Amino acid sequence: MPILGQNQYGKAENRVVKITRDGATHHIKDLNVSVSLSGDMDEVHYSGSNAHVLPTDTTKNTVYAFAKEHGIESAEQFGIHLARHFVTSQEPIHRARIRIEEYAWERIEHQGKGEHSFVRKGQEPRLAQITYDGSSWEVVSGLKDLTVMNSTDSEFWGYVKDKYTTLPEAYDRILATEVSGRWRFNWTDDEQRMPDWDESYEQTRKHLLQAFAETYSLSLQQTLYQMGSRIIEHRGEIDEVRFSLPNKHHFLVDLEPFGLKNATEDGAVYIAADRPYGLIEATVLRDGCEPKIPVDLTNL
């Protein structure tokens, strides 16, 4: 007889927007929340008995009710509230995983009486994944779609060449990428002091951007390592960082047929190529720690 393997269920992509009113000043939290539950669920698969199944519609309702009852202090804290609730309130549920994307808004300055007008801020969604099994926590935060560029201070040469190699060596090139990153916290127990999730996110983002800007790059791999290292060195609450960095290639346009020199030192013209692209991925760890973030971030 076939045996049931790993399984989970829940309600994905619950879009919740919470408005907090502080007099005439309003604040927005805009989240996309996915709930996934697992535990003693063999019988629903084998016989169709729903005796242990909390409906996915109920998990959706819980997300919205908790946004009102508890507010949304941060994506991570909201996920912690939800995960704890599902595991502690339902005996058959042994593990809850909450995934959250957060979309930032900033206030529009205007001459009106109230502060209630906003414009979407930034390009990258903030990410959080909270997992709880009744005794220990795993919190992984991150971001995606953060496009960055250095217009110089990047080279690429000295690489392996074979009969199929046509790429010319570059000693002054554009380095651009779209950062997808995750970082895992060493907070795992309710007895530990909980990080300031918002401060941690802002500082981690700052450090990865500063490392990107300050590294004279001989390869995107080198830049990736410097970004991860800077986070590990400056943020004691984080033990592991994983980045997936597509190389957003910019190629010099051949303008010689038009009698034009296209040299980088003069300010060059480039073709921005969207595909194919090099894809550089790696994990940076605190010494003595084991990697836990999945290699394939699409499955995180």
Foldseek 3Di string as FASTA:
>chain_A
DDDDDDDKDAAFFQWDWDWDDPDLEIDIWTKGKTKIWDFQDRCCVVPVDCPQPDDNVVLSVVLHVCCVVVNDPDPAVSQVVSFVCVCVVGPRTQKMKMKMWIWDWDWDDDDDDGGDHIDTDDDKTKIWMWMDRPFKIKIKIWIWQHKDKDQWLEWEDPDDDDPPDDDDGGDTHMWMWTKTKMWIFPHIGPVDDDDPVVVLVVVLVVQLVVLLHPHSYHDVQVSVQSSQVSSVVPPVRTFKMKIKIWTQDWAFDPCVVVVDDADVVVPGHTDGDPDDTDIDIDMDGDPPDDDDQDRDVVVD
